[in-house]
């Protein structure tokens, strides 16, 4: 399959999320206070309604806002509390974009395989069931960056088995085609050396240092939407974690 560039709106969405939080803070809004309408906000920020709706869905999933059908949107959480959460962006697409490189896909394959899913966020219950296995070679500026293997439960409504459906961000595909929003991601990162299929997919020799990122992706209700493992070339990635808390200076930590 030919390589194709991904055009992602996720950076813009993150900017809109921060703009709404800044508005709540600058206006001194409290829990229960009403926000401007979506049309008013979209015009104020000069963005599309679709981008604004995605940002509001993110804020709603975090419990920062509450939307009442036919009534309006209200502040649902103390914004100073919201700002103490650790936010670490570990989407491979966004990692590439954050490093000012162009993300792309050079290879996609799909199969239906048995997999052991974590079916419930709270209970950590595991079930064995068929899942859609999606294998992709991710590129940055046209060069191999990561080999990604993701499993999605087949009970997700609207899930496609067409490889062309997954040439962009899976998060955006789930939201736009399946009406599912990834609200929480549980991540583990470990250092390994490459071997086997990973070497072949990334065009590297065995024992090349890599980072392996295991993730479980849940919707706002705790339903598992995806389990994924990303094998990232260590020499092409520079992860930085930033945490912000009210009254505390930013602390940057480079991950060696």
Protein backbone atom coordinates (compact mmCIF):
# COMPACT_ATOMS: atom_id res chain seq x y z
CA UNK A 1 0.00 0.00 0.00
CA UNK A 2 1.34 3.43 -0.93
CA UNK A 3 2.29 5.87 1.77
CA UNK A 4 -0.28 8.56 2.55
CA UNK A 5 0.09 11.65 4.69
CA UNK A 6 -2.25 12.18 7.61
CA UNK A 7 -3.90 15.55 8.08
CA UNK A 8 -4.77 15.73 11.76
CA UNK A 9 -6.86 18.39 13.49
CA UNK A 10 -5.86 17.18 16.94
CA UNK A 11 -3.41 20.03 17.63
CA UNK A 12 -6.15 22.55 16.81
CA UNK A 13 -8.57 20.69 19.06
CA UNK A 14 -6.10 20.88 21.94
CA UNK A 15 -5.72 24.61 21.39
CA UNK A 16 -9.51 25.03 21.49
CA UNK A 17 -9.73 22.98 24.71
CA UNK A 18 -7.15 25.27 26.31
CA UNK A 19 -8.94 28.37 24.96
CA UNK A 20 -12.19 27.30 26.62
CA UNK A 21 -10.40 26.61 29.91
CA UNK A 22 -8.71 30.01 29.69
CA UNK A 23 -12.10 31.64 29.07
CA UNK A 24 -13.62 29.98 32.14
CA UNK A 25 -10.67 31.12 34.23
CA UNK A 26 -10.50 34.69 32.89
CA UNK A 27 -14.25 35.21 33.33
CA UNK A 28 -14.13 33.80 36.86
CA UNK A 29 -16.86 31.27 36.05
CA UNK A 30 -17.89 28.85 38.80
CA UNK A 31 -19.66 25.51 38.85
CA UNK A 32 -23.14 25.94 37.40
CA UNK A 33 -22.31 29.09 35.41
CA UNK A 34 -23.42 29.03 31.78
CA UNK A 35 -21.00 29.21 28.86
CA UNK A 36 -21.69 30.97 25.53
CA UNK A 37 -23.45 28.91 22.86
CA UNK A 38 -21.43 26.69 20.55
CA UNK A 39 -22.06 29.06 17.63
CA UNK A 40 -20.91 32.07 19.70
CA UNK A 41 -17.77 30.26 20.85
CA UNK A 42 -16.94 28.99 17.34
CA UNK A 43 -17.29 32.52 15.95
CA UNK A 44 -15.24 33.95 18.81
CA UNK A 45 -12.38 31.50 18.18
CA UNK A 46 -12.80 31.57 14.37
CA UNK A 47 -12.96 27.78 14.04
CA UNK A 48 -15.32 25.26 12.48
CA UNK A 49 -18.30 23.90 14.43
CA UNK A 50 -16.93 20.36 13.98
CA UNK A 51 -13.60 21.20 15.64
CA UNK A 52 -15.39 22.99 18.47
CA UNK A 53 -17.73 20.02 19.07
CA UNK A 54 -14.70 17.69 19.31
CA UNK A 55 -13.07 19.99 21.87
CA UNK A 56 -16.29 20.18 23.90
CA UNK A 57 -16.60 16.39 23.85
CA UNK A 58 -13.11 16.20 25.36
CA UNK A 59 -14.03 18.72 28.09
CA UNK A 60 -17.28 16.87 28.77
CA UNK A 61 -15.42 13.55 29.12
CA UNK A 62 -13.12 15.18 31.70
CA UNK A 63 -16.13 16.43 33.64
CA UNK A 64 -15.17 20.09 33.13
CA UNK A 65 -18.44 20.99 31.40
CA UNK A 66 -21.99 19.65 31.31
CA UNK A 67 -24.19 19.99 28.25
CA UNK A 68 -27.97 19.97 28.73
CA UNK A 69 -29.94 19.35 25.54
CA UNK A 70 -31.98 22.38 24.59
CA UNK A 71 -30.74 24.39 27.58
CA UNK A 72 -27.03 25.09 27.23
CA UNK A 73 -23.49 24.30 28.39
CA UNK A 74 -22.45 24.80 32.00
CA UNK A 75 -19.26 24.66 34.06
CA UNK A 76 -19.33 21.34 35.94
CA UNK A 77 -15.98 21.33 37.71
CA UNK A 78 -13.68 23.70 39.58
CA UNK A 79 -11.18 24.72 36.90
CA UNK A 80 -8.34 24.84 39.44
CA UNK A 81 -8.95 21.13 40.09
CA UNK A 82 -9.03 20.40 36.37
CA UNK A 83 -5.60 21.95 35.99
CA UNK A 84 -3.98 19.55 38.47
CA UNK A 85 -4.54 16.53 36.23
CA UNK A 86 -1.46 15.08 34.50
CA UNK A 87 -1.99 15.35 30.74
CA UNK A 88 0.49 13.38 28.64
CA UNK A 89 -0.13 13.18 24.91
CA UNK A 90 0.94 9.71 23.78
CA UNK A 91 -0.88 9.38 20.47
CA UNK A 92 1.77 8.36 17.91
CA UNK A 93 0.27 10.79 15.40
CA UNK A 94 0.50 13.62 17.91
CA UNK A 95 4.02 12.66 19.02
CA UNK A 96 5.13 13.02 15.40
CA UNK A 97 3.27 16.31 14.96
CA UNK A 98 4.65 17.67 18.24
CA UNK A 99 8.16 17.06 16.89
CA UNK A 100 7.26 19.13 13.82
CA UNK A 101 7.36 16.19 11.43
CA UNK A 102 4.74 15.02 8.95
CA UNK A 103 2.96 11.80 10.01
CA UNK A 104 2.06 9.14 7.48
CA UNK A 105 1.28 5.45 6.93
CA UNK A 106 3.41 3.28 4.64
CA UNK A 107 1.71 -0.07 5.29
CA UNK A 108 -1.64 -1.28 6.64
CA UNK A 109 -2.93 -4.82 7.16
CA UNK A 110 -6.09 -6.11 8.86
CA UNK A 111 -7.04 -9.51 10.26
CA UNK A 112 -9.59 -10.93 12.68
CA UNK A 113 -7.73 -12.61 15.55
CA UNK A 114 -8.62 -13.97 19.00
CA UNK A 115 -7.45 -11.59 21.73
CA UNK A 116 -7.73 -11.23 25.51
CA UNK A 117 -9.45 -7.86 26.10
CA UNK A 118 -9.62 -5.79 29.28
CA UNK A 119 -13.38 -5.33 29.05
CA UNK A 120 -13.92 -3.07 32.04
CA UNK A 121 -11.81 -0.14 33.28
CA UNK A 122 -12.81 -0.41 36.94
CA UNK A 123 -12.74 -4.18 37.40
CA UNK A 124 -9.86 -4.89 35.02
CA UNK A 125 -11.91 -7.86 33.86
CA UNK A 126 -10.46 -9.85 30.97
CA UNK A 127 -12.43 -11.64 28.27
CA UNK A 128 -11.25 -13.60 25.24
CA UNK A 129 -13.04 -12.68 22.03
CA UNK A 130 -12.35 -12.10 18.33
CA UNK A 131 -10.95 -8.64 17.61
CA UNK A 132 -9.99 -6.59 14.60
CA UNK A 133 -6.18 -6.60 14.47
CA UNK A 134 -4.74 -3.55 12.75
CA UNK A 135 -1.02 -3.51 11.89
CA UNK A 136 0.48 -0.28 10.57
CA UNK A 137 3.93 1.08 9.79
CA UNK A 138 3.95 4.73 10.85
CA UNK A 139 6.24 7.25 9.20
CA UNK A 140 7.59 10.69 10.10
CA UNK A 141 8.71 12.86 7.18
CA UNK A 142 8.46 9.74 5.02
CA UNK A 143 10.83 7.60 7.12
CA UNK A 144 9.87 4.69 9.43
CA UNK A 145 9.01 5.89 12.92
CA UNK A 146 6.91 3.18 14.60
CA UNK A 147 5.30 -0.20 14.04
CA UNK A 148 1.82 -0.19 15.57
CA UNK A 149 -0.37 -3.19 16.40
CA UNK A 150 -3.89 -2.41 17.63
CA UNK A 151 -6.82 -4.63 18.59
CA UNK A 152 -10.38 -3.27 18.47
CA UNK A 153 -13.44 -5.17 19.79
CA UNK A 154 -15.75 -6.23 16.98
CA UNK A 155 -18.83 -4.99 18.87
CA UNK A 156 -17.93 -1.36 18.10
CA UNK A 157 -20.72 -0.12 15.83
CA UNK A 158 -19.52 1.09 12.44
CA UNK A 159 -16.11 -0.60 12.60
CA UNK A 160 -14.74 -1.10 9.08
CA UNK A 161 -12.60 -3.94 7.74
CA UNK A 162 -11.38 -1.75 4.85
CA UNK A 163 -7.67 -0.97 5.19
CA UNK A 164 -8.22 2.47 3.64
CA UNK A 165 -10.33 3.47 6.65
CA UNK A 166 -7.22 3.46 8.85
CA UNK A 167 -4.83 5.68 6.91
CA UNK A 168 -5.33 8.46 9.45
CA UNK A 169 -5.85 8.83 13.19
CA UNK A 170 -7.81 5.94 14.73
CA UNK A 171 -9.11 8.34 17.40
CA UNK A 172 -10.65 10.54 14.72
CA UNK A 173 -12.03 7.51 12.87
CA UNK A 174 -13.70 6.17 16.03
CA UNK A 175 -15.29 9.53 16.74
CA UNK A 176 -16.40 10.38 13.20
CA UNK A 177 -17.50 6.92 11.99
CA UNK A 178 -18.33 5.00 15.18
CA UNK A 179 -19.51 7.83 17.46
CA UNK A 180 -16.98 6.71 20.08
CA UNK A 181 -14.69 9.13 21.91
CA UNK A 182 -11.42 8.06 23.58
CA UNK A 183 -11.53 9.78 26.97
CA UNK A 184 -8.94 7.83 28.98
CA UNK A 185 -5.75 6.00 28.03
CA UNK A 186 -3.79 3.70 30.35
CA UNK A 187 -0.15 3.59 29.19
CA UNK A 188 2.98 1.63 30.02
CA UNK A 189 6.32 2.40 28.33
CA UNK A 190 9.36 0.14 28.43
CA UNK A 191 12.76 0.03 26.76
CA UNK A 192 13.52 -3.03 24.64
CA UNK A 193 15.68 -4.14 21.74
CA UNK A 194 14.06 -4.92 18.41
CA UNK A 195 13.69 -8.40 17.02
CA UNK A 196 11.68 -10.45 14.51
CA UNK A 197 8.76 -8.76 12.78
CA UNK A 198 9.55 -5.36 14.32
CA UNK A 199 12.98 -5.36 12.64
CA UNK A 200 11.47 -6.29 9.28
CA UNK A 201 8.73 -3.67 9.44
CA UNK A 202 11.02 -0.83 10.54
CA UNK A 203 14.01 -1.86 8.41
CA UNK A 204 16.41 -2.14 11.35
CA UNK A 205 18.88 -4.74 12.57
CA UNK A 206 18.16 -6.99 15.57
CA UNK A 207 18.92 -5.52 19.01
CA UNK A 208 18.38 -1.93 17.85
CA UNK A 209 17.13 0.09 20.90
CA UNK A 210 13.39 0.84 20.76
CA UNK A 211 10.64 2.09 23.04
CA UNK A 212 7.56 -0.10 23.43
CA UNK A 213 4.31 1.61 24.40
CA UNK A 214 1.39 -0.55 25.60
CA UNK A 215 -1.93 1.28 25.82
CA UNK A 216 -5.58 0.62 26.65
CA UNK A 217 -8.03 3.20 25.28
CA UNK A 218 -11.42 3.71 26.99
CA UNK A 219 -14.53 5.77 26.26
CA UNK A 220 -16.04 8.09 28.95
CA UNK A 221 -18.07 5.17 30.39
CA UNK A 222 -15.02 2.95 30.81
CA UNK A 223 -15.70 0.71 27.80
CA UNK A 224 -12.56 -0.54 26.08
CA UNK A 225 -12.26 0.78 22.53
CA UNK A 226 -8.76 -0.41 21.69
CA UNK A 227 -5.64 -2.17 22.98
CA UNK A 228 -2.45 -1.17 21.23
CA UNK A 229 1.29 -1.73 21.23
CA UNK A 230 3.59 0.72 19.46
CA UNK A 231 7.24 -0.08 18.74
CA UNK A 232 9.01 3.27 18.35
CA UNK A 233 12.51 3.91 17.03
CA UNK A 234 14.40 5.30 20.02
CA UNK A 235 16.71 7.45 17.91
CA UNK A 236 13.76 9.29 16.33
CA UNK A 237 11.79 10.22 19.42
CA UNK A 238 12.22 12.80 22.16
CA UNK A 239 9.44 12.53 24.75
CA UNK A 240 8.81 15.42 27.09
CA UNK A 241 6.34 15.35 29.98
CA UNK A 242 4.91 18.62 31.30
CA UNK A 243 2.65 18.95 34.33
CA UNK A 244 0.99 22.22 35.33
CA UNK A 245 -0.59 22.96 38.71
CA UNK A 246 -2.13 26.15 39.99
CA UNK A 247 0.54 28.16 41.85
CA UNK A 248 3.34 25.79 40.88
CA UNK A 249 5.93 26.51 38.21
CA UNK A 250 6.02 24.20 35.20
CA UNK A 251 8.41 21.30 35.45
CA UNK A 252 9.84 19.78 32.30
CA UNK A 253 11.31 16.29 32.41
CA UNK A 254 13.09 14.84 29.43
CA UNK A 255 12.77 11.08 29.19
CA UNK A 256 16.17 9.67 28.28
